[in-house]
Amino acid sequence: MLGLLAAAAAGSLLRAPSVTPRCSPKMGAVEEFAISKEVKAVRVFDGAYDEDICDEVVVQARACINEKGSFSLCIPGGSVVKALGCMPSDAFDFSKLHVFFANEKIPSYPCISGALEVTQKLGVPDEQVYGVGEGSPSEVASAYSSLLKSHPSIDNSGALPSVDMMLLGTGPDGHCGCLFPDSPEIKATKSGAIVLAGNDERADGDFIAISMDVMCAAKVVVVSAAGSGRAPMVSSALAGTFGAYDCPAGMVCAQEETLWFTDKESIAEFDQYAEAFDEEEDMADGEEEA
């Protein structure tokens, strides 16, 4: 399908080698391709993919538990978390799961309340679902930073905490977690900050959010982006045609793999962009040969 694939830096483009679908037979993706040298894979589904998110979590959880006896999972709120309810209670040893949060609104705390509805059904001990705590946003951000830097289930051998896996939802504007386009929080990227405190009407007021630095320090990240309303954002994020801070989702680049889950509607504009780019490249190659 695609000859064009994008580099990690916004605005830079690379031509990648031919792409071979590599979906597991149990996965529901109708197509899969890779984006650039940064190990960014894209799966395109024909319909809902809740069970496929769960399959990916199960694979990572089993591997981590087998290797080190625990699995650290960082989650947002909303539909991505609800998708985890598709996992059977015997999918893996949930007593080894440690759940952290990519963001939280203060003082309503919807992320942990929504997560507990799922984790309690799965048998995850409540004390292993780490809410952000109470206090002012700055106090909460400081305390949660300390937690992430010290928790034994999280790899802290580097400069930043590195969770085993992170799930992120996206908005049509390109936000992920509570990192919004052109906000002070996304502009803190590469500052080394761990958890940020902010106030934004797009988050309904006060919130805390892990930084883009921590998102990119995660071992594996799944970015969910479905529906036609996200099509322009998905095209920009995958093609690398966004500005410095105007598409946070496109900036996510995990240490081992960044996996985008899309559907036919959300990938449509990127398909068109890629086809047009391929045509231009083919024309340029023809002119060089002539």
C-alpha atoms as a PDB file:
ATOM      1  CA  MET A   1       0.000   0.000   0.000  1.00  0.00           C
ATOM      2  CA  LEU A   2       2.544   2.577   1.079  1.00  0.00           C
ATOM      3  CA  GLY A   3       5.945   3.516  -0.203  1.00  0.00           C
ATOM      4  CA  LEU A   4       6.069   6.636   1.934  1.00  0.00           C
ATOM      5  CA  LEU A   5       6.886   6.386   5.586  1.00  0.00           C
ATOM      6  CA  ALA A   6       7.781   9.222   7.892  1.00  0.00           C
ATOM      7  CA  ALA A   7      10.754  10.044  10.064  1.00  0.00           C
ATOM      8  CA  ALA A   8      10.422  10.817  13.759  1.00  0.00           C
ATOM      9  CA  ALA A   9      11.197  14.504  13.467  1.00  0.00           C
ATOM     10  CA  ALA A  10       8.283  16.658  12.387  1.00  0.00           C
ATOM     11  CA  GLY A  11       8.467  17.577   8.742  1.00  0.00           C
ATOM     12  CA  SER A  12      11.220  15.133   7.702  1.00  0.00           C
ATOM     13  CA  LEU A  13      10.409  12.259   5.370  1.00  0.00           C
ATOM     14  CA  LEU A  14      12.083   8.981   4.506  1.00  0.00           C
ATOM     15  CA  ARG A  15      11.348   6.311   1.955  1.00  0.00           C
ATOM     16  CA  ALA A  16      11.163   2.982   3.743  1.00  0.00           C
ATOM     17  CA  PRO A  17      11.705  -0.496   2.332  1.00  0.00           C
ATOM     18  CA  SER A  18       8.727  -2.463   1.058  1.00  0.00           C
ATOM     19  CA  VAL A  19       6.301  -3.360   3.846  1.00  0.00           C
ATOM     20  CA  THR A  20       5.176  -6.870   4.651  1.00  0.00           C
ATOM     21  CA  PRO A  21       2.059  -7.324   6.807  1.00  0.00           C
ATOM     22  CA  ARG A  22       2.976  -9.063  10.042  1.00  0.00           C
ATOM     23  CA  CYS A  23      -0.298  -9.407  11.911  1.00  0.00           C
ATOM     24  CA  SER A  24      -0.779 -12.376  14.154  1.00  0.00           C
ATOM     25  CA  PRO A  25      -3.699 -14.531  12.930  1.00  0.00           C
ATOM     26  CA  LYS A  26      -5.573 -13.769  16.160  1.00  0.00           C
ATOM     27  CA  MET A  27      -5.360 -10.003  15.630  1.00  0.00           C
ATOM     28  CA  GLY A  28      -8.157  -8.222  13.794  1.00  0.00           C
ATOM     29  CA  ALA A  29      -6.057  -5.736  11.831  1.00  0.00           C
ATOM     30  CA  VAL A  30      -6.740  -5.690   8.102  1.00  0.00           C
ATOM     31  CA  GLU A  31      -3.427  -4.017   7.364  1.00  0.00           C
ATOM     32  CA  GLU A  32      -0.175  -3.203   9.092  1.00  0.00           C
ATOM     33  CA  PHE A  33       2.849  -1.156   8.117  1.00  0.00           C
ATOM     34  CA  ALA A  34       5.825   0.508   9.768  1.00  0.00           C
ATOM     35  CA  ILE A  35       6.792   4.154  10.079  1.00  0.00           C
ATOM     36  CA  SER A  36      10.496   4.974   9.779  1.00  0.00           C
ATOM     37  CA  LYS A  37      13.550   3.844  11.693  1.00  0.00           C
ATOM     38  CA  GLU A  38      11.857   4.666  14.992  1.00  0.00           C
ATOM     39  CA  VAL A  39       9.965   1.346  15.118  1.00  0.00           C
ATOM     40  CA  LYS A  40       6.565   2.979  14.786  1.00  0.00           C
ATOM     41  CA  ALA A  41       4.036   0.419  13.592  1.00  0.00           C
ATOM     42  CA  VAL A  42       0.515   1.144  12.381  1.00  0.00           C
ATOM     43  CA  ARG A  43      -2.377  -1.297  12.468  1.00  0.00           C
ATOM     44  CA  VAL A  44      -5.528  -0.539  10.558  1.00  0.00           C
ATOM     45  CA  PHE A  45      -8.729  -2.193  11.751  1.00  0.00           C
ATOM     46  CA  ASP A  46     -12.073  -2.632  10.110  1.00  0.00           C
ATOM     47  CA  GLY A  47     -14.178  -1.749  13.135  1.00  0.00           C
ATOM     48  CA  ALA A  48     -13.590  -1.743  16.880  1.00  0.00           C
ATOM     49  CA  TYR A  49     -10.299  -3.024  18.254  1.00  0.00           C
ATOM     50  CA  ASP A  50     -10.844  -3.276  22.018  1.00  0.00           C
ATOM     51  CA  GLU A  51      -9.924  -6.955  22.080  1.00  0.00           C
ATOM     52  CA  ASP A  52      -6.799  -6.254  20.055  1.00  0.00           C
ATOM     53  CA  ILE A  53      -5.607  -3.695  22.605  1.00  0.00           C
ATOM     54  CA  CYS A  54      -6.130  -6.355  25.258  1.00  0.00           C
ATOM     55  CA  ASP A  55      -4.187  -8.910  23.219  1.00  0.00           C
ATOM     56  CA  GLU A  56      -1.244  -6.512  23.026  1.00  0.00           C
ATOM     57  CA  VAL A  57      -1.343  -5.849  26.773  1.00  0.00           C
ATOM     58  CA  VAL A  58      -1.471  -9.575  27.527  1.00  0.00           C
ATOM     59  CA  VAL A  59       1.566 -10.288  25.344  1.00  0.00           C
ATOM     60  CA  GLN A  60       3.621  -7.585  27.075  1.00  0.00           C
ATOM     61  CA  ALA A  61       2.380  -8.512  30.553  1.00  0.00           C
ATOM     62  CA  ARG A  62       3.272 -12.180  30.229  1.00  0.00           C
ATOM     63  CA  ALA A  63       6.723 -11.350  28.880  1.00  0.00           C
ATOM     64  CA  CYS A  64       7.499  -8.861  31.652  1.00  0.00           C
ATOM     65  CA  ILE A  65       6.165 -11.033  34.449  1.00  0.00           C
ATOM     66  CA  ASN A  66       8.183 -13.968  33.157  1.00  0.00           C
ATOM     67  CA  GLU A  67      11.307 -11.817  32.942  1.00  0.00           C
ATOM     68  CA  LYS A  68      11.153  -9.730  36.105  1.00  0.00           C
ATOM     69  CA  GLY A  69       8.103 -10.757  38.107  1.00  0.00           C
ATOM     70  CA  SER A  70       6.026  -7.626  37.553  1.00  0.00           C
ATOM     71  CA  PHE A  71       4.358  -5.538  34.847  1.00  0.00           C
ATOM     72  CA  SER A  72       4.043  -1.745  34.972  1.00  0.00           C
ATOM     73  CA  LEU A  73       1.223  -0.312  32.864  1.00  0.00           C
ATOM     74  CA  CYS A  74       0.508   3.406  32.488  1.00  0.00           C
ATOM     75  CA  ILE A  75      -2.999   4.303  31.345  1.00  0.00           C
ATOM     76  CA  PRO A  76      -5.141   7.343  30.575  1.00  0.00           C
ATOM     77  CA  GLY A  77      -8.865   7.548  31.188  1.00  0.00           C
ATOM     78  CA  GLY A  78     -11.835   7.065  28.900  1.00  0.00           C
ATOM     79  CA  SER A  79     -12.467   4.463  26.225  1.00  0.00           C
ATOM     80  CA  VAL A  80      -8.910   3.103  26.192  1.00  0.00           C
ATOM     81  CA  VAL A  81      -9.265   2.001  29.807  1.00  0.00           C
ATOM     82  CA  LYS A  82     -12.739   0.580  29.237  1.00  0.00           C
ATOM     83  CA  ALA A  83     -11.238  -1.585  26.494  1.00  0.00           C
ATOM     84  CA  LEU A  84      -9.192  -3.406  29.122  1.00  0.00           C
ATOM     85  CA  GLY A  85     -12.409  -4.848  30.468  1.00  0.00           C
ATOM     86  CA  CYS A  86     -12.330  -7.249  27.518  1.00  0.00           C
ATOM     87  CA  MET A  87      -9.479  -9.202  29.102  1.00  0.00           C
ATOM     88  CA  PRO A  88     -10.419 -12.509  30.727  1.00  0.00           C
ATOM     89  CA  SER A  89      -9.558 -12.695  34.409  1.00  0.00           C
ATOM     90  CA  ASP A  90      -7.059 -15.492  33.710  1.00  0.00           C
ATOM     91  CA  ALA A  91      -5.217 -13.651  30.905  1.00  0.00           C
ATOM     92  CA  PHE A  92      -2.167 -13.329  33.146  1.00  0.00           C
ATOM     93  CA  ASP A  93      -1.335 -13.014  36.841  1.00  0.00           C
ATOM     94  CA  PHE A  94      -3.049  -9.730  37.685  1.00  0.00           C
ATOM     95  CA  SER A  95      -1.492  -9.722  41.143  1.00  0.00           C
ATOM     96  CA  LYS A  96       1.747  -8.789  39.345  1.00  0.00           C
ATOM     97  CA  LEU A  97       0.203  -5.799  37.556  1.00  0.00           C
ATOM     98  CA  HIS A  98       0.992  -2.253  38.719  1.00  0.00           C
ATOM     99  CA  VAL A  99      -1.154   0.495  37.203  1.00  0.00           C
ATOM    100  CA  PHE A 100      -0.099   4.127  36.891  1.00  0.00           C
ATOM    101  CA  PHE A 101      -1.772   7.124  35.279  1.00  0.00           C
ATOM    102  CA  ALA A 102      -0.706   9.275  32.353  1.00  0.00           C
ATOM    103  CA  ASN A 103      -2.958  12.094  33.518  1.00  0.00           C
ATOM    104  CA  GLU A 104      -5.645  13.017  36.003  1.00  0.00           C
ATOM    105  CA  LYS A 105      -8.085  15.876  36.401  1.00  0.00           C
ATOM    106  CA  ILE A 106      -8.127  17.555  39.803  1.00  0.00           C
ATOM    107  CA  PRO A 107     -10.228  17.469  41.937  1.00  0.00           C
ATOM    108  CA  SER A 108     -12.691  15.221  40.087  1.00  0.00           C
ATOM    109  CA  TYR A 109     -10.240  12.281  39.644  1.00  0.00           C
ATOM    110  CA  PRO A 110     -12.160  10.530  36.831  1.00  0.00           C
ATOM    111  CA  CYS A 111      -9.205   8.444  35.653  1.00  0.00           C
ATOM    112  CA  ILE A 112      -8.712   6.400  38.796  1.00  0.00           C
ATOM    113  CA  SER A 113     -12.423   5.987  39.406  1.00  0.00           C
ATOM    114  CA  GLY A 114     -12.883   4.642  35.871  1.00  0.00           C
ATOM    115  CA  ALA A 115      -9.822   2.420  36.155  1.00  0.00           C
ATOM    116  CA  LEU A 116     -10.923   0.832  39.421  1.00  0.00           C
ATOM    117  CA  GLU A 117     -14.168  -0.255  37.792  1.00  0.00           C
ATOM    118  CA  VAL A 118     -12.063  -2.355  35.428  1.00  0.00           C
ATOM    119  CA  THR A 119      -9.157  -3.436  37.641  1.00  0.00           C
ATOM    120  CA  GLN A 120     -11.362  -4.671  40.467  1.00  0.00           C
ATOM    121  CA  LYS A 121     -13.188  -6.986  38.060  1.00  0.00           C
ATOM    122  CA  LEU A 122      -9.860  -8.333  36.844  1.00  0.00           C
ATOM    123  CA  GLY A 123      -8.540  -8.967  40.339  1.00  0.00           C
ATOM    124  CA  VAL A 124      -5.845  -6.320  40.453  1.00  0.00           C
ATOM    125  CA  PRO A 125      -5.224  -5.380  44.108  1.00  0.00           C
ATOM    126  CA  ASP A 126      -6.492  -1.839  44.747  1.00  0.00           C
ATOM    127  CA  GLU A 127      -3.192  -0.930  46.395  1.00  0.00           C
ATOM    128  CA  GLN A 128      -1.471  -1.622  43.053  1.00  0.00           C
ATOM    129  CA  VAL A 129      -3.567   0.954  41.216  1.00  0.00           C
ATOM    130  CA  TYR A 130      -1.655   4.127  41.979  1.00  0.00           C
ATOM    131  CA  GLY A 131      -3.891   7.171  41.959  1.00  0.00           C
ATOM    132  CA  VAL A 132      -2.256  10.567  41.967  1.00  0.00           C
ATOM    133  CA  GLY A 133      -3.325  11.471  45.496  1.00  0.00           C
ATOM    134  CA  GLU A 134      -4.772  14.698  46.808  1.00  0.00           C
ATOM    135  CA  GLY A 135      -3.431  18.218  47.161  1.00  0.00           C
ATOM    136  CA  SER A 136      -2.721  21.140  44.892  1.00  0.00           C
ATOM    137  CA  PRO A 137      -1.712  20.237  41.319  1.00  0.00           C
ATOM    138  CA  SER A 138       1.914  21.147  42.006  1.00  0.00           C
ATOM    139  CA  GLU A 139       1.978  19.044  45.194  1.00  0.00           C
ATOM    140  CA  VAL A 140       0.378  16.108  43.396  1.00  0.00           C
ATOM    141  CA  ALA A 141       2.819  16.394  40.469  1.00  0.00           C
ATOM    142  CA  SER A 142       5.808  16.387  42.811  1.00  0.00           C
ATOM    143  CA  ALA A 143       4.572  13.394  44.807  1.00  0.00           C
ATOM    144  CA  TYR A 144       3.693  11.388  41.704  1.00  0.00           C
ATOM    145  CA  SER A 145       7.099  12.142  40.186  1.00  0.00           C
ATOM    146  CA  SER A 146       8.692  10.683  43.300  1.00  0.00           C
ATOM    147  CA  LEU A 147       6.520   7.584  43.049  1.00  0.00           C
ATOM    148  CA  LEU A 148       7.438   6.962  39.417  1.00  0.00           C
ATOM    149  CA  LYS A 149      11.133   7.477  40.180  1.00  0.00           C
ATOM    150  CA  SER A 150      11.141   4.961  43.016  1.00  0.00           C
ATOM    151  CA  HIS A 151       8.630   2.206  42.263  1.00  0.00           C
ATOM    152  CA  PRO A 152      10.293  -1.212  41.881  1.00  0.00           C
ATOM    153  CA  SER A 153       8.086  -2.262  38.949  1.00  0.00           C
ATOM    154  CA  ILE A 154       9.384   0.675  36.869  1.00  0.00           C
ATOM    155  CA  ASP A 155      12.805   0.694  35.239  1.00  0.00           C
ATOM    156  CA  ASN A 156      14.705   3.658  36.661  1.00  0.00           C
ATOM    157  CA  SER A 157      18.131   2.694  35.373  1.00  0.00           C
ATOM    158  CA  GLY A 158      18.072   5.690  33.029  1.00  0.00           C
ATOM    159  CA  ALA A 159      17.456   9.388  33.465  1.00  0.00           C
ATOM    160  CA  LEU A 160      13.665   8.974  33.371  1.00  0.00           C
ATOM    161  CA  PRO A 161      11.193   6.387  34.666  1.00  0.00           C
ATOM    162  CA  SER A 162      10.488   3.771  31.991  1.00  0.00           C
ATOM    163  CA  VAL A 163       7.235   1.843  32.368  1.00  0.00           C
ATOM    164  CA  ASP A 164       6.854  -1.471  30.593  1.00  0.00           C
ATOM    165  CA  MET A 165       3.849  -0.317  28.593  1.00  0.00           C
ATOM    166  CA  MET A 166       1.753   2.791  28.124  1.00  0.00           C
ATOM    167  CA  LEU A 167      -1.682   3.179  26.561  1.00  0.00           C
ATOM    168  CA  LEU A 168      -2.645   6.571  25.151  1.00  0.00           C
ATOM    169  CA  GLY A 169      -5.835   7.891  23.653  1.00  0.00           C
ATOM    170  CA  THR A 170      -5.816  10.855  21.303  1.00  0.00           C
ATOM    171  CA  GLY A 171      -8.051  13.763  20.397  1.00  0.00           C
ATOM    172  CA  PRO A 172      -8.793  15.213  16.961  1.00  0.00           C
ATOM    173  CA  ASP A 173      -6.528  18.128  17.922  1.00  0.00           C
ATOM    174  CA  GLY A 174      -3.601  15.759  18.463  1.00  0.00           C
ATOM    175  CA  HIS A 175      -3.540  15.826  22.246  1.00  0.00           C
ATOM    176  CA  CYS A 176      -2.620  12.716  24.214  1.00  0.00           C
ATOM    177  CA  GLY A 177      -3.051  12.377  27.940  1.00  0.00           C
ATOM    178  CA  CYS A 178      -3.397  15.987  29.044  1.00  0.00           C
ATOM    179  CA  LEU A 179      -0.644  17.236  26.750  1.00  0.00           C
ATOM    180  CA  PHE A 180      -2.423  19.689  24.486  1.00  0.00           C
ATOM    181  CA  PRO A 181      -1.093  21.377  21.347  1.00  0.00           C
ATOM    182  CA  ASP A 182       1.067  24.449  21.978  1.00  0.00           C
ATOM    183  CA  SER A 183       0.519  24.242  25.750  1.00  0.00           C
ATOM    184  CA  PRO A 184       3.192  24.952  28.375  1.00  0.00           C
ATOM    185  CA  GLU A 185       3.147  21.241  29.220  1.00  0.00           C
ATOM    186  CA  ILE A 186       4.030  20.026  25.727  1.00  0.00           C
ATOM    187  CA  LYS A 187       6.611  22.801  25.420  1.00  0.00           C
ATOM    188  CA  ALA A 188       8.313  21.309  28.490  1.00  0.00           C
ATOM    189  CA  THR A 189       9.444  18.408  26.282  1.00  0.00           C
ATOM    190  CA  LYS A 190      13.165  17.625  26.690  1.00  0.00           C
ATOM    191  CA  SER A 191      13.252  19.469  30.004  1.00  0.00           C
ATOM    192  CA  GLY A 192      13.577  16.224  31.942  1.00  0.00           C
ATOM    193  CA  ALA A 193      10.358  16.881  33.858  1.00  0.00           C
ATOM    194  CA  ILE A 194       8.466  13.766  34.940  1.00  0.00           C
ATOM    195  CA  VAL A 195       4.984  14.891  36.000  1.00  0.00           C
ATOM    196  CA  LEU A 196       3.614  18.326  35.159  1.00  0.00           C
ATOM    197  CA  ALA A 197       0.893  20.380  36.818  1.00  0.00           C
ATOM    198  CA  GLY A 198      -1.315  22.468  34.576  1.00  0.00           C
ATOM    199  CA  ASN A 199      -4.565  24.299  34.097  1.00  0.00           C
ATOM    200  CA  ASP A 200      -6.332  24.268  30.758  1.00  0.00           C
ATOM    201  CA  GLU A 201      -9.958  24.661  29.787  1.00  0.00           C
ATOM    202  CA  ARG A 202      -9.442  21.755  27.368  1.00  0.00           C
ATOM    203  CA  ALA A 203      -8.933  19.575  30.464  1.00  0.00           C
ATOM    204  CA  ASP A 204     -11.765  21.246  32.366  1.00  0.00           C
ATOM    205  CA  GLY A 205      -9.334  23.075  34.638  1.00  0.00           C
ATOM    206  CA  ASP A 206      -6.577  21.742  36.884  1.00  0.00           C
ATOM    207  CA  PHE A 207      -4.770  18.526  35.984  1.00  0.00           C
ATOM    208  CA  ILE A 208      -1.503  16.667  36.235  1.00  0.00           C
ATOM    209  CA  ALA A 209       0.124  14.878  33.302  1.00  0.00           C
ATOM    210  CA  ILE A 210       3.222  12.844  32.700  1.00  0.00           C
ATOM    211  CA  SER A 211       5.596  14.622  30.349  1.00  0.00           C
ATOM    212  CA  MET A 212       6.337  13.752  26.736  1.00  0.00           C
ATOM    213  CA  ASP A 213       9.793  12.791  27.969  1.00  0.00           C
ATOM    214  CA  VAL A 214       8.272  10.052  30.137  1.00  0.00           C
ATOM    215  CA  MET A 215       5.939   8.945  27.356  1.00  0.00           C
ATOM    216  CA  CYS A 216       8.955   8.472  25.108  1.00  0.00           C
ATOM    217  CA  ALA A 217      10.881   6.692  27.871  1.00  0.00           C
ATOM    218  CA  ALA A 218       8.255   3.919  28.018  1.00  0.00           C
ATOM    219  CA  LYS A 219       9.283   0.576  26.566  1.00  0.00           C
ATOM    220  CA  VAL A 220       6.142   0.111  24.443  1.00  0.00           C
ATOM    221  CA  VAL A 221       3.386   2.629  23.719  1.00  0.00           C
ATOM    222  CA  VAL A 222       0.023   1.959  22.093  1.00  0.00           C
ATOM    223  CA  VAL A 223      -1.562   5.089  20.592  1.00  0.00           C
ATOM    224  CA  SER A 224      -5.261   4.751  19.844  1.00  0.00           C
ATOM    225  CA  ALA A 225      -6.817   6.927  17.137  1.00  0.00           C
ATOM    226  CA  ALA A 226     -10.096   5.852  15.563  1.00  0.00           C
ATOM    227  CA  GLY A 227     -12.845   7.606  13.638  1.00  0.00           C
ATOM    228  CA  SER A 228     -13.048  10.049  10.753  1.00  0.00           C
ATOM    229  CA  GLY A 229     -12.757  13.026  13.104  1.00  0.00           C
ATOM    230  CA  ARG A 230      -9.154  12.041  13.799  1.00  0.00           C
ATOM    231  CA  ALA A 231      -8.194  11.516  10.157  1.00  0.00           C
ATOM    232  CA  PRO A 232      -6.425  14.889   9.653  1.00  0.00           C
ATOM    233  CA  MET A 233      -4.508  14.431  12.901  1.00  0.00           C
ATOM    234  CA  VAL A 234      -3.489  10.858  12.076  1.00  0.00           C
ATOM    235  CA  SER A 235      -2.252  11.898   8.640  1.00  0.00           C
ATOM    236  CA  SER A 236      -0.191  14.735  10.092  1.00  0.00           C
ATOM    237  CA  ALA A 237       1.167  12.631  12.958  1.00  0.00           C
ATOM    238  CA  LEU A 238       2.260   9.717  10.791  1.00  0.00           C
ATOM    239  CA  ALA A 239       3.573  11.809   7.909  1.00  0.00           C
ATOM    240  CA  GLY A 240       5.516  14.088  10.234  1.00  0.00           C
ATOM    241  CA  THR A 241       3.973  17.226   8.758  1.00  0.00           C
ATOM    242  CA  PHE A 242       3.138  18.847  12.091  1.00  0.00           C
ATOM    243  CA  GLY A 243       4.818  21.812  13.729  1.00  0.00           C
ATOM    244  CA  ALA A 244       7.061  21.759  16.776  1.00  0.00           C
ATOM    245  CA  TYR A 245       4.327  21.439  19.395  1.00  0.00           C
ATOM    246  CA  ASP A 246       1.005  21.324  17.539  1.00  0.00           C
ATOM    247  CA  CYS A 247       0.504  17.521  17.463  1.00  0.00           C
ATOM    248  CA  PRO A 248       1.667  15.877  20.709  1.00  0.00           C
ATOM    249  CA  ALA A 249       0.486  12.433  19.563  1.00  0.00           C
ATOM    250  CA  GLY A 250       2.905  12.580  16.659  1.00  0.00           C
ATOM    251  CA  MET A 251       5.787  13.237  19.055  1.00  0.00           C
ATOM    252  CA  VAL A 252       5.336   9.955  20.931  1.00  0.00           C
ATOM    253  CA  CYS A 253       8.266   7.643  20.229  1.00  0.00           C
ATOM    254  CA  ALA A 254       8.765   4.761  22.680  1.00  0.00           C
ATOM    255  CA  GLN A 255      12.051   3.033  23.408  1.00  0.00           C
ATOM    256  CA  GLU A 256      11.134  -0.289  21.808  1.00  0.00           C
ATOM    257  CA  GLU A 257       7.921   0.137  19.836  1.00  0.00           C
ATOM    258  CA  THR A 258       5.294   2.768  19.206  1.00  0.00           C
ATOM    259  CA  LEU A 259       2.162   1.051  17.982  1.00  0.00           C
ATOM    260  CA  TRP A 260      -0.659   3.070  16.422  1.00  0.00           C
ATOM    261  CA  PHE A 261      -4.119   1.485  16.393  1.00  0.00           C
ATOM    262  CA  THR A 262      -6.274   3.097  13.714  1.00  0.00           C
ATOM    263  CA  ASP A 263      -9.301   2.216  11.627  1.00  0.00           C
ATOM    264  CA  LYS A 264     -10.185   2.690   7.969  1.00  0.00           C
ATOM    265  CA  GLU A 265     -11.782   6.059   8.680  1.00  0.00           C
ATOM    266  CA  SER A 266      -8.927   7.550  10.695  1.00  0.00           C
ATOM    267  CA  ILE A 267      -6.204   6.357   8.284  1.00  0.00           C
ATOM    268  CA  ALA A 268      -7.975   7.550   5.132  1.00  0.00           C
ATOM    269  CA  GLU A 269      -6.235  10.916   4.759  1.00  0.00           C
ATOM    270  CA  PHE A 270      -2.814   9.403   5.369  1.00  0.00           C
ATOM    271  CA  ASP A 271      -3.530   6.876   2.610  1.00  0.00           C
ATOM    272  CA  GLN A 272      -4.219   9.744   0.222  1.00  0.00           C
ATOM    273  CA  TYR A 273      -1.111  11.623   1.335  1.00  0.00           C
ATOM    274  CA  ALA A 274       1.075   8.559   0.898  1.00  0.00           C
ATOM    275  CA  GLU A 275      -0.287   7.753  -2.545  1.00  0.00           C
ATOM    276  CA  ALA A 276       0.323  11.314  -3.722  1.00  0.00           C
ATOM    277  CA  PHE A 277       3.858  11.232  -2.339  1.00  0.00           C
ATOM    278  CA  ASP A 278       4.562   7.931  -4.094  1.00  0.00           C
ATOM    279  CA  GLU A 279       3.348   9.359  -7.389  1.00  0.00           C
ATOM    280  CA  GLU A 280       5.655  12.364  -7.027  1.00  0.00           C
ATOM    281  CA  GLU A 281       8.580  10.092  -6.181  1.00  0.00           C
ATOM    282  CA  ASP A 282       7.882   7.865  -9.164  1.00  0.00           C
ATOM    283  CA  MET A 283       7.762  10.899 -11.449  1.00  0.00           C
ATOM    284  CA  ALA A 284      11.053  12.169 -10.035  1.00  0.00           C
ATOM    285  CA  ASP A 285      12.682   8.758 -10.518  1.00  0.00           C
ATOM    286  CA  GLY A 286      11.449   8.684 -14.110  1.00  0.00           C
ATOM    287  CA  GLU A 287      12.884  12.126 -14.821  1.00  0.00           C
ATOM    288  CA  GLU A 288      16.265  11.088 -13.380  1.00  0.00           C
ATOM    289  CA  GLU A 289      16.349   7.978 -15.538  1.00  0.00           C
ATOM    290  CA  ALA A 290      15.484  10.033 -18.625  1.00  0.00           C
END
